[in-house]
Structures are given as structure tokens and as C-alpha cells.
Amino acid sequence: MSRNREHEFSNLVREIRKEQVGNGPREITTRFIDTWAVSEMKGNLTNVEKFMITSSEGKRMVHEARTELVKKIYDCSEISLKNLSMQKL
């Protein structure tokens, strides 16, 4: 795959993160492997989350909150994709 395509995909991921979380990662690296797009993000945590993960309870809370956030993003994406598919019909 071309670097340009990977760069475009990374920018798309950054835009979605900014929209859903309010800030984007510091760095994104994307690779295409077969039918998968794998994006590695660095610099995702907010200052509050960085402080929270200094304790085991804080790590658990940040993990749970991020897991729920990802689930909501997938739910919204799924709805958007369904709406887009219906518009094309």
C-alpha cells in the first residue's frame, strides 16, 4: 500500500478521535495488513487521565471509561454506515 493512503487513513482516524474525544493523538502510524487497517496511536491520554493512571484504581477507571467510549464510537459509526447504505438504495 502507498504511504499516501496510510497517511490519509491516519488523518481520518485523527478527525474521528477529535470529534469523539475532543483531542487527537500526538502520533498515528497506520499499516494495511490484508483486509485490516491497523492504526497505532501515541499521546492519547488527557492530562487528567495521565494523573489518574498513577494509581491502580485510576488505571481501572480510565480503562473502563475508554472501553465504553470505543463502544459508543462503534455504535455511532455503525448507525452512520447503515444510514449511508440506505441512502444509496
N, C-alpha and C. Protein backbone atom coordinates (compact mmCIF):
# COMPACT_ATOMS: atom_id res chain seq x y z
N MET A 1 0.83 -1.18 0.00
CA MET A 1 0.00 0.00 0.00
C MET A 1 0.88 1.25 0.00
N SER A 2 0.36 2.29 -0.57
CA SER A 2 1.15 3.52 -0.66
C SER A 2 1.13 4.28 0.67
N ARG A 3 2.19 5.01 0.92
CA ARG A 3 2.28 5.81 2.15
C ARG A 3 1.18 6.88 2.17
N ASN A 4 0.81 7.39 1.00
CA ASN A 4 -0.22 8.42 0.93
C ASN A 4 -1.55 7.87 1.45
N ARG A 5 -1.88 6.65 1.08
CA ARG A 5 -3.14 6.04 1.52
C ARG A 5 -3.11 5.84 3.04
N GLU A 6 -1.98 5.39 3.56
CA GLU A 6 -1.84 5.21 5.01
C GLU A 6 -1.96 6.55 5.72
N HIS A 7 -1.35 7.58 5.14
CA HIS A 7 -1.42 8.93 5.73
C HIS A 7 -2.87 9.44 5.74
N GLU A 8 -3.59 9.25 4.65
CA GLU A 8 -4.99 9.68 4.57
C GLU A 8 -5.84 8.97 5.62
N PHE A 9 -5.60 7.65 5.78
CA PHE A 9 -6.35 6.89 6.77
C PHE A 9 -6.03 7.39 8.18
N SER A 10 -4.76 7.67 8.45
CA SER A 10 -4.36 8.20 9.75
C SER A 10 -5.05 9.53 10.03
N ASN A 11 -5.16 10.38 9.02
CA ASN A 11 -5.86 11.66 9.19
C ASN A 11 -7.33 11.45 9.49
N LEU A 12 -7.95 10.45 8.86
CA LEU A 12 -9.35 10.13 9.12
C LEU A 12 -9.52 9.69 10.57
N VAL A 13 -8.63 8.83 11.04
CA VAL A 13 -8.67 8.38 12.44
C VAL A 13 -8.52 9.57 13.38
N ARG A 14 -7.60 10.46 13.08
CA ARG A 14 -7.36 11.66 13.92
C ARG A 14 -8.64 12.52 13.98
N GLU A 15 -9.30 12.72 12.85
CA GLU A 15 -10.52 13.53 12.82
C GLU A 15 -11.62 12.91 13.67
N ILE A 16 -11.79 11.59 13.56
CA ILE A 16 -12.81 10.90 14.34
C ILE A 16 -12.51 11.02 15.82
N ARG A 17 -11.24 10.85 16.19
CA ARG A 17 -10.85 10.96 17.60
C ARG A 17 -11.12 12.37 18.13
N LYS A 18 -10.79 13.38 17.33
CA LYS A 18 -11.04 14.76 17.77
C LYS A 18 -12.52 15.00 17.96
N GLU A 19 -13.32 14.48 17.06
CA GLU A 19 -14.78 14.66 17.13
C GLU A 19 -15.36 13.95 18.35
N GLN A 20 -14.91 12.74 18.62
CA GLN A 20 -15.48 11.93 19.69
C GLN A 20 -14.89 12.22 21.06
N VAL A 21 -13.61 12.55 21.13
CA VAL A 21 -12.92 12.71 22.41
C VAL A 21 -12.60 14.16 22.72
N GLY A 22 -12.43 14.97 21.69
CA GLY A 22 -12.09 16.37 21.90
C GLY A 22 -10.63 16.68 21.63
N ASN A 23 -9.82 15.64 21.54
CA ASN A 23 -8.42 15.85 21.16
C ASN A 23 -7.94 14.63 20.39
N GLY A 24 -6.96 14.85 19.56
CA GLY A 24 -6.43 13.74 18.77
C GLY A 24 -5.11 13.26 19.33
N PRO A 25 -4.67 12.10 18.90
CA PRO A 25 -3.38 11.58 19.36
C PRO A 25 -2.22 12.42 18.83
N ARG A 26 -1.10 12.35 19.53
CA ARG A 26 0.10 13.08 19.13
C ARG A 26 0.67 12.49 17.84
N GLU A 27 0.60 11.18 17.72
CA GLU A 27 1.20 10.50 16.57
C GLU A 27 0.34 9.28 16.19
N ILE A 28 0.15 9.07 14.90
CA ILE A 28 -0.59 7.90 14.41
C ILE A 28 0.24 7.24 13.31
N THR A 29 0.37 5.93 13.42
CA THR A 29 1.03 5.13 12.38
C THR A 29 0.03 4.10 11.91
N THR A 30 -0.24 4.04 10.62
CA THR A 30 -1.19 3.10 10.06
C THR A 30 -0.49 2.15 9.10
N ARG A 31 -0.87 0.88 9.19
CA ARG A 31 -0.40 -0.15 8.26
C ARG A 31 -1.62 -0.92 7.76
N PHE A 32 -1.59 -1.30 6.51
CA PHE A 32 -2.63 -2.16 5.96
C PHE A 32 -2.08 -3.57 5.86
N ILE A 33 -2.78 -4.50 6.50
CA ILE A 33 -2.38 -5.91 6.50
C ILE A 33 -3.58 -6.72 6.02
N ASP A 34 -3.44 -7.29 4.82
CA ASP A 34 -4.56 -8.00 4.18
C ASP A 34 -5.77 -7.07 4.14
N THR A 35 -6.87 -7.45 4.80
CA THR A 35 -8.08 -6.63 4.79
C THR A 35 -8.21 -5.75 6.03
N TRP A 36 -7.14 -5.71 6.83
CA TRP A 36 -7.17 -4.95 8.08
C TRP A 36 -6.39 -3.64 7.95
N ALA A 37 -6.90 -2.62 8.61
CA ALA A 37 -6.16 -1.37 8.79
C ALA A 37 -5.79 -1.31 10.26
N VAL A 38 -4.49 -1.25 10.56
CA VAL A 38 -4.01 -1.23 11.93
C VAL A 38 -3.41 0.15 12.19
N SER A 39 -4.00 0.88 13.14
CA SER A 39 -3.51 2.21 13.49
C SER A 39 -3.00 2.20 14.92
N GLU A 40 -1.76 2.59 15.08
CA GLU A 40 -1.15 2.72 16.40
C GLU A 40 -1.14 4.20 16.76
N MET A 41 -1.71 4.52 17.91
CA MET A 41 -1.81 5.91 18.33
C MET A 41 -0.99 6.13 19.58
N LYS A 42 -0.24 7.23 19.60
CA LYS A 42 0.55 7.61 20.77
C LYS A 42 0.10 9.00 21.21
N GLY A 43 0.12 9.23 22.50
CA GLY A 43 -0.27 10.54 23.02
C GLY A 43 -1.78 10.69 23.10
N ASN A 44 -2.47 9.63 23.48
CA ASN A 44 -3.93 9.65 23.55
C ASN A 44 -4.49 10.19 24.85
N LEU A 45 -3.75 10.05 25.93
CA LEU A 45 -4.30 10.38 27.24
C LEU A 45 -4.36 11.88 27.49
N THR A 46 -5.44 12.30 28.14
CA THR A 46 -5.55 13.69 28.57
C THR A 46 -4.68 13.88 29.81
N ASN A 47 -4.47 15.11 30.22
CA ASN A 47 -3.68 15.38 31.42
C ASN A 47 -4.32 14.76 32.66
N VAL A 48 -5.64 14.80 32.73
CA VAL A 48 -6.35 14.20 33.88
C VAL A 48 -6.14 12.69 33.88
N GLU A 49 -6.24 12.06 32.71
CA GLU A 49 -6.04 10.61 32.64
C GLU A 49 -4.60 10.24 33.01
N LYS A 50 -3.64 11.04 32.59
CA LYS A 50 -2.24 10.78 32.96
C LYS A 50 -2.07 10.81 34.47
N PHE A 51 -2.74 11.74 35.13
CA PHE A 51 -2.68 11.80 36.59
C PHE A 51 -3.37 10.59 37.20
N MET A 52 -4.53 10.22 36.66
CA MET A 52 -5.30 9.12 37.22
C MET A 52 -4.57 7.79 37.17
N ILE A 53 -3.81 7.55 36.10
CA ILE A 53 -3.18 6.23 35.95
C ILE A 53 -1.99 6.03 36.87
N THR A 54 -1.72 6.99 37.74
CA THR A 54 -0.64 6.80 38.71
C THR A 54 -1.07 5.84 39.82
N SER A 55 -2.36 5.53 39.91
CA SER A 55 -2.83 4.54 40.90
C SER A 55 -3.53 3.39 40.16
N SER A 56 -3.59 2.24 40.80
CA SER A 56 -4.22 1.08 40.16
C SER A 56 -5.72 1.32 39.96
N GLU A 57 -6.37 1.98 40.92
CA GLU A 57 -7.80 2.29 40.78
C GLU A 57 -8.02 3.27 39.62
N GLY A 58 -7.13 4.24 39.48
CA GLY A 58 -7.22 5.18 38.37
C GLY A 58 -7.03 4.50 37.03
N LYS A 59 -6.09 3.56 36.95
CA LYS A 59 -5.89 2.80 35.71
C LYS A 59 -7.16 2.05 35.33
N ARG A 60 -7.79 1.43 36.33
CA ARG A 60 -9.03 0.69 36.07
C ARG A 60 -10.12 1.63 35.56
N MET A 61 -10.25 2.79 36.21
CA MET A 61 -11.29 3.75 35.81
C MET A 61 -11.06 4.26 34.39
N VAL A 62 -9.82 4.60 34.05
CA VAL A 62 -9.50 5.09 32.71
C VAL A 62 -9.77 4.00 31.68
N HIS A 63 -9.37 2.77 31.99
CA HIS A 63 -9.60 1.65 31.07
C HIS A 63 -11.09 1.45 30.82
N GLU A 64 -11.89 1.45 31.89
CA GLU A 64 -13.34 1.27 31.74
C GLU A 64 -13.97 2.40 30.94
N ALA A 65 -13.56 3.63 31.23
CA ALA A 65 -14.12 4.78 30.52
C ALA A 65 -13.75 4.74 29.04
N ARG A 66 -12.51 4.42 28.74
CA ARG A 66 -12.07 4.35 27.34
C ARG A 66 -12.77 3.21 26.60
N THR A 67 -12.96 2.08 27.28
CA THR A 67 -13.66 0.95 26.66
C THR A 67 -15.08 1.34 26.29
N GLU A 68 -15.77 2.01 27.21
CA GLU A 68 -17.14 2.47 26.92
C GLU A 68 -17.17 3.48 25.78
N LEU A 69 -16.18 4.37 25.75
CA LEU A 69 -16.09 5.37 24.69
C LEU A 69 -15.94 4.69 23.32
N VAL A 70 -15.06 3.70 23.25
CA VAL A 70 -14.85 2.99 21.98
C VAL A 70 -16.14 2.29 21.55
N LYS A 71 -16.84 1.68 22.50
CA LYS A 71 -18.12 1.01 22.17
C LYS A 71 -19.11 2.01 21.59
N LYS A 72 -19.18 3.21 22.19
CA LYS A 72 -20.10 4.23 21.69
C LYS A 72 -19.70 4.71 20.29
N ILE A 73 -18.40 4.85 20.07
CA ILE A 73 -17.92 5.27 18.74
C ILE A 73 -18.33 4.24 17.70
N TYR A 74 -18.14 2.95 18.03
CA TYR A 74 -18.53 1.90 17.08
C TYR A 74 -20.03 1.90 16.84
N ASP A 75 -20.83 2.11 17.89
CA ASP A 75 -22.28 2.16 17.72
C ASP A 75 -22.67 3.31 16.80
N CYS A 76 -22.09 4.49 17.01
CA CYS A 76 -22.39 5.65 16.16
C CYS A 76 -21.93 5.40 14.73
N SER A 77 -20.76 4.79 14.56
CA SER A 77 -20.25 4.50 13.23
C SER A 77 -21.15 3.52 12.51
N GLU A 78 -21.62 2.52 13.24
CA GLU A 78 -22.50 1.52 12.65
C GLU A 78 -23.79 2.15 12.16
N ILE A 79 -24.36 3.04 12.97
CA ILE A 79 -25.59 3.73 12.60
C ILE A 79 -25.34 4.59 11.36
N SER A 80 -24.22 5.32 11.34
CA SER A 80 -23.89 6.18 10.21
C SER A 80 -23.72 5.36 8.94
N LEU A 81 -23.06 4.22 9.03
CA LEU A 81 -22.86 3.36 7.87
C LEU A 81 -24.18 2.80 7.37
N LYS A 82 -25.07 2.43 8.29
CA LYS A 82 -26.39 1.92 7.88
C LYS A 82 -27.17 3.01 7.16
N ASN A 83 -27.14 4.24 7.69
CA ASN A 83 -27.84 5.35 7.06
C ASN A 83 -27.28 5.63 5.68
N LEU A 84 -25.96 5.58 5.54
CA LEU A 84 -25.31 5.81 4.26
C LEU A 84 -25.72 4.72 3.27
N SER A 85 -25.76 3.49 3.71
CA SER A 85 -26.16 2.38 2.83
C SER A 85 -27.60 2.54 2.38
N MET A 86 -28.49 2.97 3.29
CA MET A 86 -29.89 3.15 2.95
C MET A 86 -30.06 4.29 1.94
N GLN A 87 -29.25 5.34 2.05
CA GLN A 87 -29.34 6.46 1.11
C GLN A 87 -28.96 6.05 -0.30
N LYS A 88 -28.02 5.09 -0.40
CA LYS A 88 -27.58 4.65 -1.72
C LYS A 88 -28.62 3.78 -2.42
N LEU A 89 -29.52 3.16 -1.63
CA LEU A 89 -30.57 2.32 -2.22
C LEU A 89 -31.60 3.21 -2.80
